[in-house]
C-alpha cells in the first residue's frame, strides 16, 4: 500500500485524529465512503453506456456533446458533494458566481 508500513499508518492516524478530532472522524469517513460508492456507480454507468454506444455506432472515440459535462467533471462534483464542509463551500462559490453573472 504505497510502501507504508504499520508505523507510518499509525503516525498518520494520530495526526488525522489531532487535526480533525474524534467527533469529526465518523463524518469524514462517511463522506469518503459515500464518495467511493458514488465513484463506483458512475464507473458502472459509464461502462454500460460505452458498451451500448459501441454496439450502436462501433466508434469508441466519441467526444461529449458541447453542453454536457465530462466524466471527470461529474466525478469531481459527486466526490466534492460527499465530503463534509466542502458542499457548503461549493454552495457559497456557486452563489458568488451567480452574483458575478448578475453584476455583468
PDB file of N, CA and C in Angstrom:
ATOM      1  N   UNK A   1       0.847  -1.181   0.000  1.00  0.00           N
ATOM      2  CA  UNK A   1       0.000   0.000   0.000  1.00  0.00           C
ATOM      3  C   UNK A   1       0.882   1.229   0.000  1.00  0.00           C
ATOM      4  N   UNK A   2       1.422   1.614  -1.130  1.00  0.00           N
ATOM      5  CA  UNK A   2       2.250   2.793  -1.316  1.00  0.00           C
ATOM      6  C   UNK A   2       3.526   2.743  -0.478  1.00  0.00           C
ATOM      7  N   UNK A   3       3.960   1.583  -0.077  1.00  0.00           N
ATOM      8  CA  UNK A   3       5.182   1.464   0.687  1.00  0.00           C
ATOM      9  C   UNK A   3       5.071   1.940   2.124  1.00  0.00           C
ATOM     10  N   UNK A   4       3.858   2.033   2.649  1.00  0.00           N
ATOM     11  CA  UNK A   4       3.663   2.473   4.025  1.00  0.00           C
ATOM     12  C   UNK A   4       3.589   1.263   4.946  1.00  0.00           C
ATOM     13  N   UNK A   5       4.363   1.314   6.002  1.00  0.00           N
ATOM     14  CA  UNK A   5       4.328   0.247   6.989  1.00  0.00           C
ATOM     15  C   UNK A   5       3.355   0.579   8.096  1.00  0.00           C
ATOM     16  N   UNK A   6       3.223  -0.313   9.059  1.00  0.00           N
ATOM     17  CA  UNK A   6       2.279  -0.081  10.152  1.00  0.00           C
ATOM     18  C   UNK A   6       2.639   1.141  11.004  1.00  0.00           C
ATOM     19  N   UNK A   7       3.920   1.401  11.168  1.00  0.00           N
ATOM     20  CA  UNK A   7       4.328   2.564  11.961  1.00  0.00           C
ATOM     21  C   UNK A   7       3.883   3.864  11.295  1.00  0.00           C
ATOM     22  N   UNK A   8       4.093   3.964   9.987  1.00  0.00           N
ATOM     23  CA  UNK A   8       3.700   5.178   9.267  1.00  0.00           C
ATOM     24  C   UNK A   8       2.182   5.365   9.298  1.00  0.00           C
ATOM     25  N   UNK A   9       1.442   4.266   9.155  1.00  0.00           N
ATOM     26  CA  UNK A   9      -0.016   4.360   9.195  1.00  0.00           C
ATOM     27  C   UNK A   9      -0.516   4.823  10.562  1.00  0.00           C
ATOM     28  N   UNK A  10       0.114   4.351  11.623  1.00  0.00           N
ATOM     29  CA  UNK A  10      -0.278   4.778  12.973  1.00  0.00           C
ATOM     30  C   UNK A  10       0.012   6.259  13.163  1.00  0.00           C
ATOM     31  N   UNK A  11       1.161   6.718  12.673  1.00  0.00           N
ATOM     32  CA  UNK A  11       1.505   8.145  12.785  1.00  0.00           C
ATOM     33  C   UNK A  11       0.510   8.993  12.020  1.00  0.00           C
ATOM     34  N   UNK A  12       0.151   8.569  10.818  1.00  0.00           N
ATOM     35  CA  UNK A  12      -0.830   9.307  10.016  1.00  0.00           C
ATOM     36  C   UNK A  12      -2.175   9.338  10.728  1.00  0.00           C
ATOM     37  N   UNK A  13      -2.588   8.210  11.308  1.00  0.00           N
ATOM     38  CA  UNK A  13      -3.868   8.152  12.023  1.00  0.00           C
ATOM     39  C   UNK A  13      -3.872   9.095  13.218  1.00  0.00           C
ATOM     40  N   UNK A  14      -2.773   9.166  13.950  1.00  0.00           N
ATOM     41  CA  UNK A  14      -2.694  10.069  15.102  1.00  0.00           C
ATOM     42  C   UNK A  14      -2.757  11.521  14.653  1.00  0.00           C
ATOM     43  N   UNK A  15      -2.077  11.854  13.580  1.00  0.00           N
ATOM     44  CA  UNK A  15      -2.100  13.232  13.073  1.00  0.00           C
ATOM     45  C   UNK A  15      -3.506  13.603  12.615  1.00  0.00           C
ATOM     46  N   UNK A  16      -4.174  12.707  11.907  1.00  0.00           N
ATOM     47  CA  UNK A  16      -5.551  12.973  11.461  1.00  0.00           C
ATOM     48  C   UNK A  16      -6.466  13.152  12.667  1.00  0.00           C
ATOM     49  N   UNK A  17      -6.278  12.323  13.692  1.00  0.00           N
ATOM     50  CA  UNK A  17      -7.084  12.435  14.909  1.00  0.00           C
ATOM     51  C   UNK A  17      -6.860  13.775  15.588  1.00  0.00           C
ATOM     52  N   UNK A  18      -5.625  14.231  15.624  1.00  0.00           N
ATOM     53  CA  UNK A  18      -5.323  15.520  16.243  1.00  0.00           C
ATOM     54  C   UNK A  18      -5.880  16.696  15.443  1.00  0.00           C
ATOM     55  N   UNK A  19      -5.833  16.587  14.135  1.00  0.00           N
ATOM     56  CA  UNK A  19      -6.303  17.689  13.286  1.00  0.00           C
ATOM     57  C   UNK A  19      -7.819  17.794  13.309  1.00  0.00           C
ATOM     58  N   UNK A  20      -8.512  16.689  13.099  1.00  0.00           N
ATOM     59  CA  UNK A  20      -9.964  16.732  12.951  1.00  0.00           C
ATOM     60  C   UNK A  20     -10.720  16.451  14.243  1.00  0.00           C
ATOM     61  N   UNK A  21     -10.135  15.745  15.164  1.00  0.00           N
ATOM     62  CA  UNK A  21     -10.828  15.415  16.401  1.00  0.00           C
ATOM     63  C   UNK A  21     -11.667  14.159  16.249  1.00  0.00           C
ATOM     64  N   UNK A  22     -11.979  13.557  17.386  1.00  0.00           N
ATOM     65  CA  UNK A  22     -12.711  12.294  17.369  1.00  0.00           C
ATOM     66  C   UNK A  22     -14.156  12.463  16.919  1.00  0.00           C
ATOM     67  N   UNK A  23     -14.727  13.642  17.115  1.00  0.00           N
ATOM     68  CA  UNK A  23     -16.134  13.853  16.753  1.00  0.00           C
ATOM     69  C   UNK A  23     -16.340  13.971  15.245  1.00  0.00           C
ATOM     70  N   UNK A  24     -15.339  14.471  14.532  1.00  0.00           N
ATOM     71  CA  UNK A  24     -15.479  14.676  13.080  1.00  0.00           C
ATOM     72  C   UNK A  24     -15.079  13.451  12.264  1.00  0.00           C
ATOM     73  N   UNK A  25     -14.326  12.532  12.830  1.00  0.00           N
ATOM     74  CA  UNK A  25     -13.848  11.375  12.066  1.00  0.00           C
ATOM     75  C   UNK A  25     -14.971  10.525  11.474  1.00  0.00           C
ATOM     76  N   UNK A  26     -16.067  10.232  12.208  1.00  0.00           N
ATOM     77  CA  UNK A  26     -17.138   9.457  11.573  1.00  0.00           C
ATOM     78  C   UNK A  26     -17.776  10.176  10.385  1.00  0.00           C
ATOM     79  N   UNK A  27     -17.917  11.503  10.477  1.00  0.00           N
ATOM     80  CA  UNK A  27     -18.482  12.259   9.356  1.00  0.00           C
ATOM     81  C   UNK A  27     -17.563  12.206   8.143  1.00  0.00           C
ATOM     82  N   UNK A  28     -16.278  12.346   8.398  1.00  0.00           N
ATOM     83  CA  UNK A  28     -15.316  12.301   7.301  1.00  0.00           C
ATOM     84  C   UNK A  28     -15.300  10.909   6.666  1.00  0.00           C
ATOM     85  N   UNK A  29     -15.313   9.876   7.494  1.00  0.00           N
ATOM     86  CA  UNK A  29     -15.338   8.507   6.972  1.00  0.00           C
ATOM     87  C   UNK A  29     -16.589   8.236   6.158  1.00  0.00           C
ATOM     88  N   UNK A  30     -17.724   8.737   6.637  1.00  0.00           N
ATOM     89  CA  UNK A  30     -18.981   8.559   5.913  1.00  0.00           C
ATOM     90  C   UNK A  30     -18.927   9.275   4.565  1.00  0.00           C
ATOM     91  N   UNK A  31     -18.376  10.479   4.559  1.00  0.00           N
ATOM     92  CA  UNK A  31     -18.263  11.235   3.312  1.00  0.00           C
ATOM     93  C   UNK A  31     -17.345  10.567   2.309  1.00  0.00           C
ATOM     94  N   UNK A  32     -16.207  10.084   2.781  1.00  0.00           N
ATOM     95  CA  UNK A  32     -15.264   9.418   1.885  1.00  0.00           C
ATOM     96  C   UNK A  32     -15.860   8.108   1.362  1.00  0.00           C
ATOM     97  N   UNK A  33     -16.535   7.359   2.239  1.00  0.00           N
ATOM     98  CA  UNK A  33     -17.171   6.114   1.808  1.00  0.00           C
ATOM     99  C   UNK A  33     -18.259   6.369   0.781  1.00  0.00           C
ATOM    100  N   UNK A  34     -19.055   7.404   0.999  1.00  0.00           N
ATOM    101  CA  UNK A  34     -20.088   7.757   0.022  1.00  0.00           C
ATOM    102  C   UNK A  34     -19.490   8.183  -1.302  1.00  0.00           C
ATOM    103  N   UNK A  35     -18.375   8.908  -1.238  1.00  0.00           N
ATOM    104  CA  UNK A  35     -17.723   9.340  -2.471  1.00  0.00           C
ATOM    105  C   UNK A  35     -17.200   8.147  -3.258  1.00  0.00           C
ATOM    106  N   UNK A  36     -16.615   7.187  -2.559  1.00  0.00           N
ATOM    107  CA  UNK A  36     -16.116   5.985  -3.239  1.00  0.00           C
ATOM    108  C   UNK A  36     -17.270   5.206  -3.860  1.00  0.00           C
ATOM    109  N   UNK A  37     -18.373   5.097  -3.129  1.00  0.00           N
ATOM    110  CA  UNK A  37     -19.545   4.389  -3.645  1.00  0.00           C
ATOM    111  C   UNK A  37     -20.085   5.095  -4.893  1.00  0.00           C
ATOM    112  N   UNK A  38     -20.160   6.419  -4.843  1.00  0.00           N
ATOM    113  CA  UNK A  38     -20.662   7.180  -5.985  1.00  0.00           C
ATOM    114  C   UNK A  38     -19.717   7.042  -7.175  1.00  0.00           C
ATOM    115  N   UNK A  39     -18.418   7.036  -6.923  1.00  0.00           N
ATOM    116  CA  UNK A  39     -17.446   6.861  -7.997  1.00  0.00           C
ATOM    117  C   UNK A  39     -17.641   5.517  -8.684  1.00  0.00           C
ATOM    118  N   UNK A  40     -17.870   4.479  -7.898  1.00  0.00           N
ATOM    119  CA  UNK A  40     -18.106   3.151  -8.482  1.00  0.00           C
ATOM    120  C   UNK A  40     -19.391   3.143  -9.307  1.00  0.00           C
ATOM    121  N   UNK A  41     -20.430   3.823  -8.829  1.00  0.00           N
ATOM    122  CA  UNK A  41     -21.687   3.880  -9.583  1.00  0.00           C
ATOM    123  C   UNK A  41     -21.490   4.596 -10.913  1.00  0.00           C
ATOM    124  N   UNK A  42     -20.756   5.709 -10.895  1.00  0.00           N
ATOM    125  CA  UNK A  42     -20.502   6.447 -12.130  1.00  0.00           C
ATOM    126  C   UNK A  42     -19.679   5.592 -13.086  1.00  0.00           C
ATOM    127  N   UNK A  43     -18.722   4.852 -12.546  1.00  0.00           N
ATOM    128  CA  UNK A  43     -17.888   3.981 -13.379  1.00  0.00           C
ATOM    129  C   UNK A  43     -18.739   2.900 -14.045  1.00  0.00           C
ATOM    130  N   UNK A  44     -19.688   2.319 -13.287  1.00  0.00           N
ATOM    131  CA  UNK A  44     -20.574   1.298 -13.856  1.00  0.00           C
ATOM    132  C   UNK A  44     -21.463   1.900 -14.932  1.00  0.00           C
ATOM    133  N   UNK A  45     -21.992   3.103 -14.675  1.00  0.00           N
ATOM    134  CA  UNK A  45     -22.852   3.758 -15.666  1.00  0.00           C
ATOM    135  C   UNK A  45     -22.068   4.065 -16.928  1.00  0.00           C
ATOM    136  N   UNK A  46     -20.843   4.524 -16.753  1.00  0.00           N
ATOM    137  CA  UNK A  46     -20.021   4.849 -17.913  1.00  0.00           C
ATOM    138  C   UNK A  46     -19.714   3.611 -18.731  1.00  0.00           C
ATOM    139  N   UNK A  47     -19.346   2.529 -18.061  1.00  0.00           N
ATOM    140  CA  UNK A  47     -19.010   1.318 -18.807  1.00  0.00           C
ATOM    141  C   UNK A  47     -20.226   0.756 -19.537  1.00  0.00           C
ATOM    142  N   UNK A  48     -21.396   0.842 -18.909  1.00  0.00           N
ATOM    143  CA  UNK A  48     -22.593   0.339 -19.587  1.00  0.00           C
ATOM    144  C   UNK A  48     -22.990   1.240 -20.749  1.00  0.00           C
ATOM    145  N   UNK A  49     -22.823   2.559 -20.601  1.00  0.00           N
ATOM    146  CA  UNK A  49     -23.165   3.462 -21.700  1.00  0.00           C
ATOM    147  C   UNK A  49     -22.147   3.350 -22.834  1.00  0.00           C
ATOM    148  N   UNK A  50     -20.870   3.123 -22.502  1.00  0.00           N
ATOM    149  CA  UNK A  50     -19.872   2.927 -23.547  1.00  0.00           C
ATOM    150  C   UNK A  50     -20.147   1.645 -24.329  1.00  0.00           C
ATOM    151  N   UNK A  51     -20.552   0.598 -23.623  1.00  0.00           N
ATOM    152  CA  UNK A  51     -20.863  -0.663 -24.288  1.00  0.00           C
ATOM    153  C   UNK A  51     -22.041  -0.482 -25.240  1.00  0.00           C
ATOM    154  N   UNK A  52     -23.060   0.231 -24.787  1.00  0.00           N
ATOM    155  CA  UNK A  52     -24.225   0.473 -25.634  1.00  0.00           C
ATOM    156  C   UNK A  52     -23.850   1.336 -26.834  1.00  0.00           C
ATOM    157  N   UNK A  53     -23.015   2.348 -26.623  1.00  0.00           N
ATOM    158  CA  UNK A  53     -22.606   3.223 -27.723  1.00  0.00           C
ATOM    159  C   UNK A  53     -21.749   2.462 -28.723  1.00  0.00           C
ATOM    160  N   UNK A  54     -20.887   1.590 -28.226  1.00  0.00           N
ATOM    161  CA  UNK A  54     -20.046   0.805 -29.134  1.00  0.00           C
ATOM    162  C   UNK A  54     -20.879  -0.166 -29.948  1.00  0.00           C
ATOM    163  N   UNK A  55     -21.899  -0.734 -29.341  1.00  0.00           N
ATOM    164  CA  UNK A  55     -22.762  -1.658 -30.063  1.00  0.00           C
ATOM    165  C   UNK A  55     -23.558  -0.941 -31.145  1.00  0.00           C
ATOM    166  N   UNK A  56     -23.985   0.292 -30.854  1.00  0.00           N
ATOM    167  CA  UNK A  56     -24.821   1.019 -31.809  1.00  0.00           C
ATOM    168  C   UNK A  56     -24.007   1.627 -32.942  1.00  0.00           C
ATOM    169  N   UNK A  57     -22.900   2.277 -32.612  1.00  0.00           N
ATOM    170  CA  UNK A  57     -22.187   3.022 -33.637  1.00  0.00           C
ATOM    171  C   UNK A  57     -20.828   2.436 -33.984  1.00  0.00           C
ATOM    172  N   UNK A  58     -20.275   1.603 -33.124  1.00  0.00           N
ATOM    173  CA  UNK A  58     -18.994   0.996 -33.415  1.00  0.00           C
ATOM    174  C   UNK A  58     -17.825   1.945 -33.298  1.00  0.00           C
ATOM    175  N   UNK A  59     -18.010   3.101 -32.657  1.00  0.00           N
ATOM    176  CA  UNK A  59     -16.950   4.089 -32.526  1.00  0.00           C
ATOM    177  C   UNK A  59     -16.717   4.378 -31.051  1.00  0.00           C
ATOM    178  N   UNK A  60     -15.590   3.963 -30.505  1.00  0.00           N
ATOM    179  CA  UNK A  60     -15.303   4.154 -29.081  1.00  0.00           C
ATOM    180  C   UNK A  60     -14.717   5.522 -28.793  1.00  0.00           C
ATOM    181  N   UNK A  61     -14.364   6.275 -29.804  1.00  0.00           N
ATOM    182  CA  UNK A  61     -13.712   7.568 -29.596  1.00  0.00           C
ATOM    183  C   UNK A  61     -14.678   8.730 -29.793  1.00  0.00           C
ATOM    184  N   UNK A  62     -15.850   8.639 -29.223  1.00  0.00           N
ATOM    185  CA  UNK A  62     -16.821   9.707 -29.346  1.00  0.00           C
ATOM    186  C   UNK A  62     -16.488  10.819 -28.363  1.00  0.00           C
ATOM    187  N   UNK A  63     -16.663  12.046 -28.795  1.00  0.00           N
ATOM    188  CA  UNK A  63     -16.458  13.187 -27.914  1.00  0.00           C
ATOM    189  C   UNK A  63     -17.801  13.574 -27.314  1.00  0.00           C
ATOM    190  N   UNK A  64     -17.805  14.085 -26.066  1.00  0.00           N
ATOM    191  CA  UNK A  64     -19.069  14.505 -25.485  1.00  0.00           C
ATOM    192  C   UNK A  64     -19.635  15.710 -26.210  1.00  0.00           C
ATOM    193  N   UNK A  65     -20.959  15.843 -26.179  1.00  0.00           N
ATOM    194  CA  UNK A  65     -21.617  16.973 -26.821  1.00  0.00           C
ATOM    195  C   UNK A  65     -21.219  18.257 -26.117  1.00  0.00           C
ATOM    196  N   UNK A  66     -21.383  19.395 -26.796  1.00  0.00           N
ATOM    197  CA  UNK A  66     -20.904  20.669 -26.265  1.00  0.00           C
ATOM    198  C   UNK A  66     -21.544  21.053 -24.945  1.00  0.00           C
ATOM    199  N   UNK A  67     -22.792  20.755 -24.700  1.00  0.00           N
ATOM    200  CA  UNK A  67     -23.459  21.168 -23.479  1.00  0.00           C
ATOM    201  C   UNK A  67     -23.297  20.210 -22.319  1.00  0.00           C
ATOM    202  N   UNK A  68     -22.794  19.018 -22.552  1.00  0.00           N
ATOM    203  CA  UNK A  68     -22.742  18.018 -21.487  1.00  0.00           C
ATOM    204  C   UNK A  68     -21.398  18.051 -20.772  1.00  0.00           C
ATOM    205  N   UNK A  69     -21.417  17.863 -19.438  1.00  0.00           N
ATOM    206  CA  UNK A  69     -20.151  17.836 -18.703  1.00  0.00           C
ATOM    207  C   UNK A  69     -19.410  16.529 -18.945  1.00  0.00           C
ATOM    208  N   UNK A  70     -18.118  16.570 -18.786  1.00  0.00           N
ATOM    209  CA  UNK A  70     -17.308  15.380 -18.995  1.00  0.00           C
ATOM    210  C   UNK A  70     -17.421  14.456 -17.790  1.00  0.00           C
ATOM    211  N   UNK A  71     -16.922  13.254 -17.928  1.00  0.00           N
ATOM    212  CA  UNK A  71     -16.942  12.286 -16.841  1.00  0.00           C
ATOM    213  C   UNK A  71     -16.155  12.802 -15.646  1.00  0.00           C
ATOM    214  N   UNK A  72     -15.011  13.414 -15.916  1.00  0.00           N
ATOM    215  CA  UNK A  72     -14.184  13.926 -14.835  1.00  0.00           C
ATOM    216  C   UNK A  72     -14.931  14.993 -14.040  1.00  0.00           C
ATOM    217  N   UNK A  73     -15.656  15.860 -14.720  1.00  0.00           N
ATOM    218  CA  UNK A  73     -16.406  16.907 -14.035  1.00  0.00           C
ATOM    219  C   UNK A  73     -17.520  16.310 -13.183  1.00  0.00           C
ATOM    220  N   UNK A  74     -18.182  15.277 -13.695  1.00  0.00           N
ATOM    221  CA  UNK A  74     -19.244  14.622 -12.925  1.00  0.00           C
ATOM    222  C   UNK A  74     -18.687  13.957 -11.677  1.00  0.00           C
ATOM    223  N   UNK A  75     -17.559  13.260 -11.831  1.00  0.00           N
ATOM    224  CA  UNK A  75     -16.955  12.570 -10.690  1.00  0.00           C
ATOM    225  C   UNK A  75     -16.489  13.570  -9.644  1.00  0.00           C
ATOM    226  N   UNK A  76     -15.864  14.651 -10.088  1.00  0.00           N
ATOM    227  CA  UNK A  76     -15.397  15.671  -9.145  1.00  0.00           C
ATOM    228  C   UNK A  76     -16.573  16.262  -8.384  1.00  0.00           C
ATOM    229  N   UNK A  77     -17.657  16.566  -9.070  1.00  0.00           N
ATOM    230  CA  UNK A  77     -18.829  17.133  -8.403  1.00  0.00           C
ATOM    231  C   UNK A  77     -19.394  16.161  -7.374  1.00  0.00           C
ATOM    232  N   UNK A  78     -19.517  14.892  -7.725  1.00  0.00           N
ATOM    233  CA  UNK A  78     -20.075  13.907  -6.796  1.00  0.00           C
ATOM    234  C   UNK A  78     -19.178  13.718  -5.585  1.00  0.00           C
ATOM    235  N   UNK A  79     -17.882  13.642  -5.807  1.00  0.00           N
ATOM    236  CA  UNK A  79     -16.953  13.449  -4.694  1.00  0.00           C
ATOM    237  C   UNK A  79     -16.958  14.662  -3.779  1.00  0.00           C
ATOM    238  N   UNK A  80     -16.949  15.835  -4.351  1.00  0.00           N
ATOM    239  CA  UNK A  80     -16.907  17.046  -3.541  1.00  0.00           C
ATOM    240  C   UNK A  80     -18.187  17.226  -2.734  1.00  0.00           C
ATOM    241  N   UNK A  81     -19.317  16.775  -3.257  1.00  0.00           N
ATOM    242  CA  UNK A  81     -20.571  16.885  -2.512  1.00  0.00           C
ATOM    243  C   UNK A  81     -20.604  15.959  -1.306  1.00  0.00           C
ATOM    244  N   UNK A  82     -19.860  14.873  -1.344  1.00  0.00           N
ATOM    245  CA  UNK A  82     -19.887  13.892  -0.269  1.00  0.00           C
ATOM    246  C   UNK A  82     -19.017  14.278   0.918  1.00  0.00           C
ATOM    247  N   UNK A  83     -18.046  15.136   0.735  1.00  0.00           N
ATOM    248  CA  UNK A  83     -17.121  15.486   1.804  1.00  0.00           C
ATOM    249  C   UNK A  83     -17.731  16.608   2.638  1.00  0.00           C
ATOM    250  N   UNK A  84     -17.810  16.415   3.978  1.00  0.00           N
ATOM    251  CA  UNK A  84     -18.417  17.440   4.833  1.00  0.00           C
ATOM    252  C   UNK A  84     -17.645  18.747   4.758  1.00  0.00           C
ATOM    253  N   UNK A  85     -18.357  19.850   4.752  1.00  0.00           N
ATOM    254  CA  UNK A  85     -17.739  21.166   4.706  1.00  0.00           C
ATOM    255  C   UNK A  85     -17.500  21.646   3.294  1.00  0.00           C
ATOM    256  N   UNK A  86     -17.137  20.768   2.405  1.00  0.00           N
ATOM    257  CA  UNK A  86     -16.853  21.161   1.034  1.00  0.00           C
ATOM    258  C   UNK A  86     -18.146  21.509   0.303  1.00  0.00           C
ATOM    259  N   UNK A  87     -19.222  20.801   0.637  1.00  0.00           N
ATOM    260  CA  UNK A  87     -20.508  21.074  -0.004  1.00  0.00           C
ATOM    261  C   UNK A  87     -20.956  22.499   0.293  1.00  0.00           C
ATOM    262  N   UNK A  88     -20.776  22.937   1.534  1.00  0.00           N
ATOM    263  CA  UNK A  88     -21.142  24.309   1.890  1.00  0.00           C
ATOM    264  C   UNK A  88     -20.283  25.310   1.127  1.00  0.00           C
ATOM    265  N   UNK A  89     -18.993  25.012   1.022  1.00  0.00           N
ATOM    266  CA  UNK A  89     -18.096  25.904   0.287  1.00  0.00           C
ATOM    267  C   UNK A  89     -18.482  25.962  -1.189  1.00  0.00           C
ATOM    268  N   UNK A  90     -18.887  24.834  -1.762  1.00  0.00           N
ATOM    269  CA  UNK A  90     -19.314  24.824  -3.159  1.00  0.00           C
ATOM    270  C   UNK A  90     -20.590  25.640  -3.347  1.00  0.00           C
ATOM    271  N   UNK A  91     -21.519  25.550  -2.379  1.00  0.00           N
ATOM    272  CA  UNK A  91     -22.744  26.340  -2.455  1.00  0.00           C
ATOM    273  C   UNK A  91     -22.434  27.833  -2.426  1.00  0.00           C
ATOM    274  N   UNK A  92     -21.503  28.229  -1.550  1.00  0.00           N
ATOM    275  CA  UNK A  92     -21.115  29.638  -1.456  1.00  0.00           C
ATOM    276  C   UNK A  92     -20.475  30.086  -2.758  1.00  0.00           C
ATOM    277  N   UNK A  93     -19.614  29.231  -3.332  1.00  0.00           N
ATOM    278  CA  UNK A  93     -18.966  29.571  -4.593  1.00  0.00           C
ATOM    279  C   UNK A  93     -19.992  29.727  -5.717  1.00  0.00           C
ATOM    280  N   UNK A  94     -20.961  28.814  -5.772  1.00  0.00           N
ATOM    281  CA  UNK A  94     -21.998  28.903  -6.802  1.00  0.00           C
ATOM    282  C   UNK A  94     -22.814  30.175  -6.656  1.00  0.00           C
ATOM    283  N   UNK A  95     -23.134  30.532  -5.415  1.00  0.00           N
ATOM    284  CA  UNK A  95     -23.877  31.777  -5.192  1.00  0.00           C
ATOM    285  C   UNK A  95     -23.050  32.989  -5.608  1.00  0.00           C
ATOM    286  N   UNK A  96     -21.756  32.963  -5.301  1.00  0.00           N
ATOM    287  CA  UNK A  96     -20.876  34.068  -5.693  1.00  0.00           C
ATOM    288  C   UNK A  96     -20.802  34.168  -7.218  1.00  0.00           C
ATOM    289  N   UNK A  97     -20.752  33.031  -7.901  1.00  0.00           N
ATOM    290  CA  UNK A  97     -20.720  33.044  -9.363  1.00  0.00           C
ATOM    291  C   UNK A  97     -22.006  33.619  -9.946  1.00  0.00           C
ATOM    292  N   UNK A  98     -23.143  33.297  -9.317  1.00  0.00           N
ATOM    293  CA  UNK A  98     -24.430  33.842  -9.771  1.00  0.00           C
ATOM    294  C   UNK A  98     -24.467  35.350  -9.583  1.00  0.00           C
ATOM    295  N   UNK A  99     -23.927  35.825  -8.467  1.00  0.00           N
ATOM    296  CA  UNK A  99     -23.890  37.282  -8.217  1.00  0.00           C
ATOM    297  C   UNK A  99     -22.998  37.957  -9.244  1.00  0.00           C
ATOM    298  N   UNK A 100     -21.861  37.346  -9.576  1.00  0.00           N
ATOM    299  CA  UNK A 100     -20.973  37.919 -10.597  1.00  0.00           C
ATOM    300  C   UNK A 100     -21.678  38.013 -11.940  1.00  0.00           C
ATOM    301  N   UNK A 101     -22.455  36.969 -12.272  1.00  0.00           N
ATOM    302  CA  UNK A 101     -23.187  36.979 -13.544  1.00  0.00           C
ATOM    303  C   UNK A 101     -24.236  38.091 -13.560  1.00  0.00           C
ATOM    304  N   UNK A 102     -24.891  38.297 -12.422  1.00  0.00           N
ATOM    305  CA  UNK A 102     -25.902  39.340 -12.348  1.00  0.00           C
ATOM    306  C   UNK A 102     -25.298  40.727 -12.452  1.00  0.00           C
ATOM    307  N   UNK A 103     -24.081  40.896 -11.950  1.00  0.00           N
ATOM    308  CA  UNK A 103     -23.435  42.198 -11.969  1.00  0.00           C
ATOM    309  C   UNK A 103     -22.869  42.543 -13.344  1.00  0.00           C
ATOM    310  N   UNK A 104     -22.690  41.576 -14.209  1.00  0.00           N
ATOM    311  CA  UNK A 104     -22.127  41.833 -15.543  1.00  0.00           C
ATOM    312  C   UNK A 104     -23.100  42.494 -16.448  1.00  0.00           C
TER     313      UNK A 104
END
